[in-house]
Structures are given as structure tokens and as C-alpha cells.
PDB file of N, CA and C in Angstrom:
ATOM      1  N   MET A   1      88.173  46.737  -4.739  1.00  0.00           N
ATOM      2  CA  MET A   1      86.781  47.149  -4.557  1.00  0.00           C
ATOM      3  C   MET A   1      85.985  45.948  -4.050  1.00  0.00           C
ATOM      4  N   MET A   2      85.187  46.188  -3.059  1.00  0.00           N
ATOM      5  CA  MET A   2      84.407  45.092  -2.499  1.00  0.00           C
ATOM      6  C   MET A   2      83.105  44.897  -3.260  1.00  0.00           C
ATOM      7  N   LYS A   3      82.522  43.757  -3.074  1.00  0.00           N
ATOM      8  CA  LYS A   3      81.255  43.424  -3.708  1.00  0.00           C
ATOM      9  C   LYS A   3      80.152  44.307  -3.121  1.00  0.00           C
ATOM     10  N   ALA A   4      79.223  44.728  -3.964  1.00  0.00           N
ATOM     11  CA  ALA A   4      78.124  45.587  -3.520  1.00  0.00           C
ATOM     12  C   ALA A   4      77.200  44.824  -2.574  1.00  0.00           C
ATOM     13  N   ILE A   5      76.671  45.536  -1.601  1.00  0.00           N
ATOM     14  CA  ILE A   5      75.733  44.973  -0.634  1.00  0.00           C
ATOM     15  C   ILE A   5      74.391  45.663  -0.843  1.00  0.00           C
ATOM     16  N   LEU A   6      73.327  44.902  -0.929  1.00  0.00           N
ATOM     17  CA  LEU A   6      71.988  45.475  -1.053  1.00  0.00           C
ATOM     18  C   LEU A   6      71.377  45.605   0.331  1.00  0.00           C
ATOM     19  N   LEU A   7      70.854  46.789   0.601  1.00  0.00           N
ATOM     20  CA  LEU A   7      70.179  47.064   1.864  1.00  0.00           C
ATOM     21  C   LEU A   7      68.793  47.585   1.554  1.00  0.00           C
ATOM     22  N   ALA A   8      67.822  47.238   2.377  1.00  0.00           N
ATOM     23  CA  ALA A   8      66.441  47.658   2.103  1.00  0.00           C
ATOM     24  C   ALA A   8      65.749  48.086   3.375  1.00  0.00           C
ATOM     25  N   ARG A   9      64.827  49.023   3.223  1.00  0.00           N
ATOM     26  CA  ARG A   9      63.918  49.392   4.306  1.00  0.00           C
ATOM     27  C   ARG A   9      62.607  49.764   3.644  1.00  0.00           C
ATOM     28  N   GLN A  10      61.558  49.172   4.075  1.00  0.00           N
ATOM     29  CA  GLN A  10      60.220  49.353   3.528  1.00  0.00           C
ATOM     30  C   GLN A  10      60.268  49.327   2.012  1.00  0.00           C
ATOM     31  N   SER A  11      60.115  50.466   1.322  1.00  0.00           N
ATOM     32  CA  SER A  11      60.074  50.436  -0.133  1.00  0.00           C
ATOM     33  C   SER A  11      61.337  51.006  -0.761  1.00  0.00           C
ATOM     34  N   GLN A  12      62.403  51.118   0.002  1.00  0.00           N
ATOM     35  CA  GLN A  12      63.633  51.696  -0.513  1.00  0.00           C
ATOM     36  C   GLN A  12      64.759  50.672  -0.458  1.00  0.00           C
ATOM     37  N   VAL A  13      65.526  50.588  -1.539  1.00  0.00           N
ATOM     38  CA  VAL A  13      66.660  49.672  -1.604  1.00  0.00           C
ATOM     39  C   VAL A  13      67.900  50.486  -1.955  1.00  0.00           C
ATOM     40  N   LEU A  14      68.971  50.264  -1.232  1.00  0.00           N
ATOM     41  CA  LEU A  14      70.245  50.938  -1.479  1.00  0.00           C
ATOM     42  C   LEU A  14      71.291  49.903  -1.857  1.00  0.00           C
ATOM     43  N   THR A  15      72.246  50.332  -2.664  1.00  0.00           N
ATOM     44  CA  THR A  15      73.411  49.508  -2.945  1.00  0.00           C
ATOM     45  C   THR A  15      74.613  50.255  -2.408  1.00  0.00           C
ATOM     46  N   VAL A  16      75.337  49.652  -1.483  1.00  0.00           N
ATOM     47  CA  VAL A  16      76.534  50.287  -0.920  1.00  0.00           C
ATOM     48  C   VAL A  16      77.729  49.374  -1.157  1.00  0.00           C
ATOM     49  N   THR A  17      78.898  49.981  -1.323  1.00  0.00           N
ATOM     50  CA  THR A  17      80.112  49.204  -1.548  1.00  0.00           C
ATOM     51  C   THR A  17      81.106  49.341  -0.401  1.00  0.00           C
ATOM     52  N   SER A  18      80.831  50.237   0.511  1.00  0.00           N
ATOM     53  CA  SER A  18      81.734  50.444   1.637  1.00  0.00           C
ATOM     54  C   SER A  18      81.240  49.662   2.857  1.00  0.00           C
ATOM     55  N   PRO A  19      82.102  48.868   3.484  1.00  0.00           N
ATOM     56  CA  PRO A  19      81.684  48.150   4.694  1.00  0.00           C
ATOM     57  C   PRO A  19      81.251  49.093   5.817  1.00  0.00           C
ATOM     58  N   ALA A  20      81.892  50.248   5.899  1.00  0.00           N
ATOM     59  CA  ALA A  20      81.533  51.219   6.942  1.00  0.00           C
ATOM     60  C   ALA A  20      80.113  51.753   6.706  1.00  0.00           C
ATOM     61  N   ASP A  21      79.803  52.077   5.441  1.00  0.00           N
ATOM     62  CA  ASP A  21      78.451  52.545   5.117  1.00  0.00           C
ATOM     63  C   ASP A  21      77.421  51.453   5.393  1.00  0.00           C
ATOM     64  N   ALA A  22      77.765  50.226   5.044  1.00  0.00           N
ATOM     65  CA  ALA A  22      76.841  49.111   5.279  1.00  0.00           C
ATOM     66  C   ALA A  22      76.550  48.975   6.772  1.00  0.00           C
ATOM     67  N   GLU A  23      77.588  49.040   7.610  1.00  0.00           N
ATOM     68  CA  GLU A  23      77.391  48.939   9.061  1.00  0.00           C
ATOM     69  C   GLU A  23      76.548  50.091   9.588  1.00  0.00           C
ATOM     70  N   ARG A  24      76.785  51.288   9.061  1.00  0.00           N
ATOM     71  CA  ARG A  24      76.024  52.465   9.507  1.00  0.00           C
ATOM     72  C   ARG A  24      74.539  52.300   9.176  1.00  0.00           C
ATOM     73  N   TYR A  25      74.224  51.844   7.949  1.00  0.00           N
ATOM     74  CA  TYR A  25      72.826  51.656   7.569  1.00  0.00           C
ATOM     75  C   TYR A  25      72.182  50.498   8.340  1.00  0.00           C
ATOM     76  N   LEU A  26      72.951  49.437   8.563  1.00  0.00           N
ATOM     77  CA  LEU A  26      72.411  48.290   9.292  1.00  0.00           C
ATOM     78  C   LEU A  26      72.110  48.642  10.743  1.00  0.00           C
ATOM     79  N   ALA A  27      72.799  49.647  11.277  1.00  0.00           N
ATOM     80  CA  ALA A  27      72.538  50.081  12.652  1.00  0.00           C
ATOM     81  C   ALA A  27      71.205  50.818  12.758  1.00  0.00           C
ATOM     82  N   THR A  28      70.683  51.283  11.639  1.00  0.00           N
ATOM     83  CA  THR A  28      69.365  51.934  11.642  1.00  0.00           C
ATOM     84  C   THR A  28      68.314  50.878  11.319  1.00  0.00           C
ATOM     85  N   ASP A  29      67.307  51.250  10.548  1.00  0.00           N
ATOM     86  CA  ASP A  29      66.225  50.299  10.259  1.00  0.00           C
ATOM     87  C   ASP A  29      66.378  49.601   8.905  1.00  0.00           C
ATOM     88  N   TYR A  30      67.568  49.608   8.331  1.00  0.00           N
ATOM     89  CA  TYR A  30      67.812  48.890   7.078  1.00  0.00           C
ATOM     90  C   TYR A  30      68.112  47.425   7.370  1.00  0.00           C
ATOM     91  N   LEU A  31      67.753  46.574   6.445  1.00  0.00           N
ATOM     92  CA  LEU A  31      68.045  45.147   6.524  1.00  0.00           C
ATOM     93  C   LEU A  31      68.857  44.755   5.304  1.00  0.00           C
ATOM     94  N   ARG A  32      69.711  43.769   5.462  1.00  0.00           N
ATOM     95  CA  ARG A  32      70.489  43.285   4.331  1.00  0.00           C
ATOM     96  C   ARG A  32      69.600  42.425   3.447  1.00  0.00           C
ATOM     97  N   VAL A  33      69.695  42.623   2.149  1.00  0.00           N
ATOM     98  CA  VAL A  33      68.882  41.889   1.176  1.00  0.00           C
ATOM     99  C   VAL A  33      69.782  40.875   0.491  1.00  0.00           C
ATOM    100  N   ILE A  34      69.337  39.647   0.464  1.00  0.00           N
ATOM    101  CA  ILE A  34      70.047  38.602  -0.266  1.00  0.00           C
ATOM    102  C   ILE A  34      69.314  38.427  -1.593  1.00  0.00           C
ATOM    103  N   PRO A  35      69.936  38.857  -2.717  1.00  0.00           N
ATOM    104  CA  PRO A  35      69.239  38.740  -3.999  1.00  0.00           C
ATOM    105  C   PRO A  35      69.092  37.290  -4.419  1.00  0.00           C
ATOM    106  N   ARG A  36      68.000  37.021  -5.080  1.00  0.00           N
ATOM    107  CA  ARG A  36      67.790  35.687  -5.641  1.00  0.00           C
ATOM    108  C   ARG A  36      68.686  35.522  -6.842  1.00  0.00           C
ATOM    109  N   SER A  37      69.111  34.314  -7.055  1.00  0.00           N
ATOM    110  CA  SER A  37      69.926  34.066  -8.244  1.00  0.00           C
ATOM    111  C   SER A  37      69.031  34.181  -9.479  1.00  0.00           C
ATOM    112  N   GLN A  38      69.627  34.522 -10.599  1.00  0.00           N
ATOM    113  CA  GLN A  38      68.848  34.674 -11.829  1.00  0.00           C
ATOM    114  C   GLN A  38      68.230  33.361 -12.254  1.00  0.00           C
ATOM    115  N   GLY A  39      68.994  32.298 -12.177  1.00  0.00           N
ATOM    116  CA  GLY A  39      68.460  30.977 -12.481  1.00  0.00           C
ATOM    117  C   GLY A  39      67.910  30.393 -11.200  1.00  0.00           C
ATOM    118  N   ARG A  40      66.637  30.174 -11.127  1.00  0.00           N
ATOM    119  CA  ARG A  40      66.001  29.816  -9.872  1.00  0.00           C
ATOM    120  C   ARG A  40      66.245  28.362  -9.459  1.00  0.00           C
ATOM    121  N   GLY A  41      66.384  27.470 -10.389  1.00  0.00           N
ATOM    122  CA  GLY A  41      66.493  26.062 -10.040  1.00  0.00           C
ATOM    123  C   GLY A  41      67.860  25.495 -10.371  1.00  0.00           C
ATOM    124  N   LYS A  42      68.057  24.257  -9.972  1.00  0.00           N
ATOM    125  CA  LYS A  42      69.349  23.637 -10.216  1.00  0.00           C
ATOM    126  C   LYS A  42      69.544  23.294 -11.690  1.00  0.00           C
ATOM    127  N   ASN A  43      68.461  23.246 -12.458  1.00  0.00           N
ATOM    128  CA  ASN A  43      68.556  22.941 -13.891  1.00  0.00           C
ATOM    129  C   ASN A  43      68.440  24.189 -14.758  1.00  0.00           C
ATOM    130  N   ALA A  44      68.534  25.374 -14.156  1.00  0.00           N
ATOM    131  CA  ALA A  44      68.292  26.615 -14.891  1.00  0.00           C
ATOM    132  C   ALA A  44      69.254  26.794 -16.060  1.00  0.00           C
ATOM    133  N   LYS A  45      70.524  26.502 -15.851  1.00  0.00           N
ATOM    134  CA  LYS A  45      71.505  26.679 -16.921  1.00  0.00           C
ATOM    135  C   LYS A  45      71.192  25.753 -18.094  1.00  0.00           C
ATOM    136  N   ARG A  46      70.846  24.518 -17.795  1.00  0.00           N
ATOM    137  CA  ARG A  46      70.502  23.550 -18.846  1.00  0.00           C
ATOM    138  C   ARG A  46      69.241  23.988 -19.587  1.00  0.00           C
ATOM    139  N   MET A  47      68.245  24.488 -18.859  1.00  0.00           N
ATOM    140  CA  MET A  47      66.999  24.921 -19.491  1.00  0.00           C
ATOM    141  C   MET A  47      67.225  26.149 -20.378  1.00  0.00           C
ATOM    142  N   ARG A  48      68.055  27.106 -19.913  1.00  0.00           N
ATOM    143  CA  ARG A  48      68.364  28.265 -20.750  1.00  0.00           C
ATOM    144  C   ARG A  48      69.046  27.831 -22.038  1.00  0.00           C
ATOM    145  N   SER A  49      69.978  26.911 -21.910  1.00  0.00           N
ATOM    146  CA  SER A  49      70.685  26.402 -23.086  1.00  0.00           C
ATOM    147  C   SER A  49      69.723  25.710 -24.047  1.00  0.00           C
ATOM    148  N   LEU A  50      68.815  24.921 -23.512  1.00  0.00           N
ATOM    149  CA  LEU A  50      67.833  24.227 -24.338  1.00  0.00           C
ATOM    150  C   LEU A  50      66.920  25.218 -25.060  1.00  0.00           C
ATOM    151  N   ARG A  51      66.457  26.272 -24.352  1.00  0.00           N
ATOM    152  CA  ARG A  51      65.618  27.292 -24.995  1.00  0.00           C
ATOM    153  C   ARG A  51      66.369  28.008 -26.112  1.00  0.00           C
ATOM    154  N   GLN A  52      67.636  28.354 -25.852  1.00  0.00           N
ATOM    155  CA  GLN A  52      68.431  29.025 -26.882  1.00  0.00           C
ATOM    156  C   GLN A  52      68.613  28.130 -28.103  1.00  0.00           C
ATOM    157  N   GLN A  53      68.865  26.859 -27.871  1.00  0.00           N
ATOM    158  CA  GLN A  53      69.047  25.923 -28.981  1.00  0.00           C
ATOM    159  C   GLN A  53      67.768  25.764 -29.782  1.00  0.00           C
ATOM    160  N   ARG A  54      66.644  25.668 -29.083  1.00  0.00           N
ATOM    161  CA  ARG A  54      65.365  25.527 -29.792  1.00  0.00           C
ATOM    162  C   ARG A  54      65.062  26.770 -30.614  1.00  0.00           C
ATOM    163  N   ARG A  55      65.316  27.968 -30.054  1.00  0.00           N
ATOM    164  CA  ARG A  55      65.106  29.197 -30.834  1.00  0.00           C
ATOM    165  C   ARG A  55      65.978  29.188 -32.082  1.00  0.00           C
ATOM    166  N   ALA A  56      67.241  28.775 -31.923  1.00  0.00           N
ATOM    167  CA  ALA A  56      68.159  28.720 -33.067  1.00  0.00           C
ATOM    168  C   ALA A  56      67.680  27.714 -34.110  1.00  0.00           C
ATOM    169  N   ASP A  57      67.023  26.641 -33.674  1.00  0.00           N
ATOM    170  CA  ASP A  57      66.507  25.619 -34.586  1.00  0.00           C
ATOM    171  C   ASP A  57      65.171  26.013 -35.211  1.00  0.00           C
ATOM    172  N   GLY A  58      64.615  27.173 -34.809  1.00  0.00           N
ATOM    173  CA  GLY A  58      63.378  27.653 -35.403  1.00  0.00           C
ATOM    174  C   GLY A  58      62.104  27.263 -34.670  1.00  0.00           C
ATOM    175  N   TRP A  59      62.231  26.734 -33.463  1.00  0.00           N
ATOM    176  CA  TRP A  59      61.041  26.386 -32.687  1.00  0.00           C
ATOM    177  C   TRP A  59      60.281  27.663 -32.345  1.00  0.00           C
ATOM    178  N   LEU A  60      58.988  27.528 -32.131  1.00  0.00           N
ATOM    179  CA  LEU A  60      58.131  28.650 -31.792  1.00  0.00           C
ATOM    180  C   LEU A  60      57.368  28.331 -30.512  1.00  0.00           C
ATOM    181  N   VAL A  61      57.358  29.268 -29.580  1.00  0.00           N
ATOM    182  CA  VAL A  61      56.603  29.108 -28.342  1.00  0.00           C
ATOM    183  C   VAL A  61      55.288  29.864 -28.500  1.00  0.00           C
ATOM    184  N   LEU A  62      54.180  29.187 -28.248  1.00  0.00           N
ATOM    185  CA  LEU A  62      52.869  29.819 -28.322  1.00  0.00           C
ATOM    186  C   LEU A  62      52.183  29.701 -26.969  1.00  0.00           C
ATOM    187  N   ASP A  63      51.790  30.822 -26.413  1.00  0.00           N
ATOM    188  CA  ASP A  63      50.988  30.852 -25.190  1.00  0.00           C
ATOM    189  C   ASP A  63      49.727  31.640 -25.510  1.00  0.00           C
ATOM    190  N   PHE A  64      48.585  31.070 -25.212  1.00  0.00           N
ATOM    191  CA  PHE A  64      47.354  31.821 -25.415  1.00  0.00           C
ATOM    192  C   PHE A  64      46.301  31.342 -24.430  1.00  0.00           C
ATOM    193  N   TRP A  65      45.351  32.220 -24.175  1.00  0.00           N
ATOM    194  CA  TRP A  65      44.266  31.946 -23.240  1.00  0.00           C
ATOM    195  C   TRP A  65      42.976  31.773 -24.020  1.00  0.00           C
ATOM    196  N   LEU A  66      42.165  30.826 -23.574  1.00  0.00           N
ATOM    197  CA  LEU A  66      40.867  30.589 -24.194  1.00  0.00           C
ATOM    198  C   LEU A  66      39.774  30.831 -23.167  1.00  0.00           C
ATOM    199  N   PRO A  67      38.647  31.387 -23.615  1.00  0.00           N
ATOM    200  CA  PRO A  67      37.507  31.487 -22.704  1.00  0.00           C
ATOM    201  C   PRO A  67      37.023  30.080 -22.351  1.00  0.00           C
ATOM    202  N   PRO A  68      36.348  29.916 -21.222  1.00  0.00           N
ATOM    203  CA  PRO A  68      35.938  28.580 -20.780  1.00  0.00           C
ATOM    204  C   PRO A  68      35.160  27.784 -21.824  1.00  0.00           C
ATOM    205  N   ASP A  69      34.252  28.425 -22.546  1.00  0.00           N
ATOM    206  CA  ASP A  69      33.463  27.676 -23.534  1.00  0.00           C
ATOM    207  C   ASP A  69      34.332  27.170 -24.688  1.00  0.00           C
ATOM    208  N   GLN A  70      35.314  27.962 -25.121  1.00  0.00           N
ATOM    209  CA  GLN A  70      36.205  27.515 -26.180  1.00  0.00           C
ATOM    210  C   GLN A  70      37.175  26.446 -25.673  1.00  0.00           C
ATOM    211  N   ALA A  71      37.597  26.561 -24.422  1.00  0.00           N
ATOM    212  CA  ALA A  71      38.482  25.551 -23.837  1.00  0.00           C
ATOM    213  C   ALA A  71      37.783  24.198 -23.790  1.00  0.00           C
ATOM    214  N   ILE A  72      36.501  24.193 -23.468  1.00  0.00           N
ATOM    215  CA  ILE A  72      35.721  22.951 -23.444  1.00  0.00           C
ATOM    216  C   ILE A  72      35.652  22.352 -24.843  1.00  0.00           C
ATOM    217  N   ALA A  73      35.445  23.213 -25.848  1.00  0.00           N
ATOM    218  CA  ALA A  73      35.374  22.737 -27.231  1.00  0.00           C
ATOM    219  C   ALA A  73      36.719  22.152 -27.681  1.00  0.00           C
ATOM    220  N   VAL A  74      37.808  22.782 -27.300  1.00  0.00           N
ATOM    221  CA  VAL A  74      39.136  22.278 -27.669  1.00  0.00           C
ATOM    222  C   VAL A  74      39.393  20.939 -26.996  1.00  0.00           C
ATOM    223  N   LYS A  75      39.074  20.827 -25.711  1.00  0.00           N
ATOM    224  CA  LYS A  75      39.266  19.553 -24.999  1.00  0.00           C
ATOM    225  C   LYS A  75      38.420  18.448 -25.621  1.00  0.00           C
ATOM    226  N   ALA A  76      37.222  18.797 -26.080  1.00  0.00           N
ATOM    227  CA  ALA A  76      36.353  17.801 -26.697  1.00  0.00           C
ATOM    228  C   ALA A  76      36.911  17.323 -28.040  1.00  0.00           C
ATOM    229  N   ALA A  77      37.686  18.170 -28.716  1.00  0.00           N
ATOM    230  CA  ALA A  77      38.242  17.802 -30.021  1.00  0.00           C
ATOM    231  C   ALA A  77      39.480  16.918 -29.897  1.00  0.00           C
ATOM    232  N   LEU A  78      40.052  16.831 -28.705  1.00  0.00           N
ATOM    233  CA  LEU A  78      41.243  15.994 -28.507  1.00  0.00           C
ATOM    234  C   LEU A  78      40.917  14.521 -28.699  1.00  0.00           C
ATOM    235  N   LEU A  79      41.768  13.828 -29.421  1.00  0.00           N
ATOM    236  CA  LEU A  79      41.661  12.375 -29.537  1.00  0.00           C
ATOM    237  C   LEU A  79      42.344  11.752 -28.317  1.00  0.00           C
ATOM    238  N   PRO A  80      42.059  10.487 -28.014  1.00  0.00           N
ATOM    239  CA  PRO A  80      42.727   9.851 -26.867  1.00  0.00           C
ATOM    240  C   PRO A  80      44.255   9.910 -27.005  1.00  0.00           C
ATOM    241  N   ASN A  81      44.915  10.272 -25.942  1.00  0.00           N
ATOM    242  CA  ASN A  81      46.387  10.376 -25.876  1.00  0.00           C
ATOM    243  C   ASN A  81      46.975  11.402 -26.843  1.00  0.00           C
ATOM    244  N   GLU A  82      46.192  12.356 -27.308  1.00  0.00           N
ATOM    245  CA  GLU A  82      46.682  13.388 -28.221  1.00  0.00           C
ATOM    246  C   GLU A  82      47.054  14.631 -27.415  1.00  0.00           C
ATOM    247  N   THR A  83      48.171  15.253 -27.772  1.00  0.00           N
ATOM    248  CA  THR A  83      48.571  16.493 -27.111  1.00  0.00           C
ATOM    249  C   THR A  83      47.893  17.668 -27.813  1.00  0.00           C
ATOM    250  N   TYR A  84      47.951  18.829 -27.162  1.00  0.00           N
ATOM    251  CA  TYR A  84      47.374  20.020 -27.776  1.00  0.00           C
ATOM    252  C   TYR A  84      48.139  20.392 -29.043  1.00  0.00           C
ATOM    253  N   ALA A  85      49.446  20.203 -29.047  1.00  0.00           N
ATOM    254  CA  ALA A  85      50.238  20.491 -30.245  1.00  0.00           C
ATOM    255  C   ALA A  85      49.817  19.574 -31.398  1.00  0.00           C
ATOM    256  N   GLU A  86      49.618  18.292 -31.097  1.00  0.00           N
ATOM    257  CA  GLU A  86      49.187  17.348 -32.133  1.00  0.00           C
ATOM    258  C   GLU A  86      47.790  17.697 -32.638  1.00  0.00           C
ATOM    259  N   LEU A  87      46.915  18.119 -31.742  1.00  0.00           N
ATOM    260  CA  LEU A  87      45.573  18.556 -32.147  1.00  0.00           C
ATOM    261  C   LEU A  87      45.659  19.745 -33.093  1.00  0.00           C
ATOM    262  N   LEU A  88      46.491  20.713 -32.736  1.00  0.00           N
ATOM    263  CA  LEU A  88      46.638  21.903 -33.570  1.00  0.00           C
ATOM    264  C   LEU A  88      47.144  21.528 -34.962  1.00  0.00           C
ATOM    265  N   ILE A  89      48.151  20.690 -35.042  1.00  0.00           N
ATOM    266  CA  ILE A  89      48.698  20.266 -36.338  1.00  0.00           C
ATOM    267  C   ILE A  89      47.649  19.498 -37.133  1.00  0.00           C
ATOM    268  N   ARG A  90      46.911  18.609 -36.467  1.00  0.00           N
ATOM    269  CA  ARG A  90      45.873  17.819 -37.157  1.00  0.00           C
ATOM    270  C   ARG A  90      44.802  18.738 -37.745  1.00  0.00           C
ATOM    271  N   LEU A  91      44.369  19.722 -36.983  1.00  0.00           N
ATOM    272  CA  LEU A  91      43.328  20.627 -37.467  1.00  0.00           C
ATOM    273  C   LEU A  91      43.830  21.535 -38.586  1.00  0.00           C
ATOM    274  N   VAL A  92      45.085  21.977 -38.485  1.00  0.00           N
ATOM    275  CA  VAL A  92      45.651  22.810 -39.558  1.00  0.00           C
ATOM    276  C   VAL A  92      45.759  22.000 -40.847  1.00  0.00           C
ATOM    277  N   ARG A  93      46.221  20.754 -40.742  1.00  0.00           N
ATOM    278  CA  ARG A  93      46.326  19.900 -41.942  1.00  0.00           C
ATOM    279  C   ARG A  93      44.952  19.622 -42.539  1.00  0.00           C
ATOM    280  N   LYS A  94      43.978  19.379 -41.672  1.00  0.00           N
ATOM    281  CA  LYS A  94      42.614  19.118 -42.150  1.00  0.00           C
ATOM    282  C   LYS A  94      42.071  20.354 -42.877  1.00  0.00           C
ATOM    283  N   GLN A  95      42.327  21.539 -42.328  1.00  0.00           N
ATOM    284  CA  GLN A  95      41.851  22.774 -42.945  1.00  0.00           C
ATOM    285  C   GLN A  95      42.530  23.007 -44.297  1.00  0.00           C
ATOM    286  N   SER A  96      43.814  22.686 -44.392  1.00  0.00           N
ATOM    287  CA  SER A  96      44.537  22.923 -45.651  1.00  0.00           C
ATOM    288  C   SER A  96      44.142  21.927 -46.737  1.00  0.00           C
ATOM    289  N   ASP A  97      43.558  20.779 -46.340  1.00  0.00           N
ATOM    290  CA  ASP A  97      43.108  19.789 -47.315  1.00  0.00           C
ATOM    291  C   ASP A  97      41.793  20.192 -47.981  1.00  0.00           C
ATOM    292  N   LEU A  98      41.079  21.135 -47.394  1.00  0.00           N
ATOM    293  CA  LEU A  98      39.778  21.528 -47.949  1.00  0.00           C
ATOM    294  C   LEU A  98      39.905  22.294 -49.227  1.00  0.00           C
TER     295      LEU A  98
END
């Protein structure tokens, strides 16, 4: 069995496995599609491994959006050379001491 070939035209994508079918579709208005690799960069495998290891170690990823006025307040609370993670930990510890 041959490897599947992806063909596309406008908003339609076909997967064909026969070379004859592929040639027939390519003779019309279909174009061959080269799929992107799942790992986009040369370090993708290493980064996936690192993420899996961190999850296994209990790390937590936090992504959140702040309105502009709150973002300004957060930036103002940063100490020199302090990261946002360090700021968050410092404020949580300060709150728990109260």
C-alpha cells in the first residue's frame, strides 16, 4: 500500500492512495498538499519531552489576560529584575502572612 497523498482545491481536501487517482485529480484543478510536520521546529521533540517531564513533576502552566489598567498595576508592583512568577509567589506569601 502506498503512502496517502493529500490533494486540495479551494475548500476541499482529498486523501488518495492510488497513484492513478492522484494523477487524474492533479490533471484537473487539484493541487498536491504538503502537510506541515507536527513538530514545527528543530527542537520540537526536546520541547515536547520537557513539557511532559514538567507535567509529571507537577508543574503548572498558567496563561491569563489582564485589562490594560490591571497590567499597569502588575508591572508597577514588580521589583527590579523580578519575574512575574516571582512577583506572584511574593504576593501570595505576603497575603498568607496576614
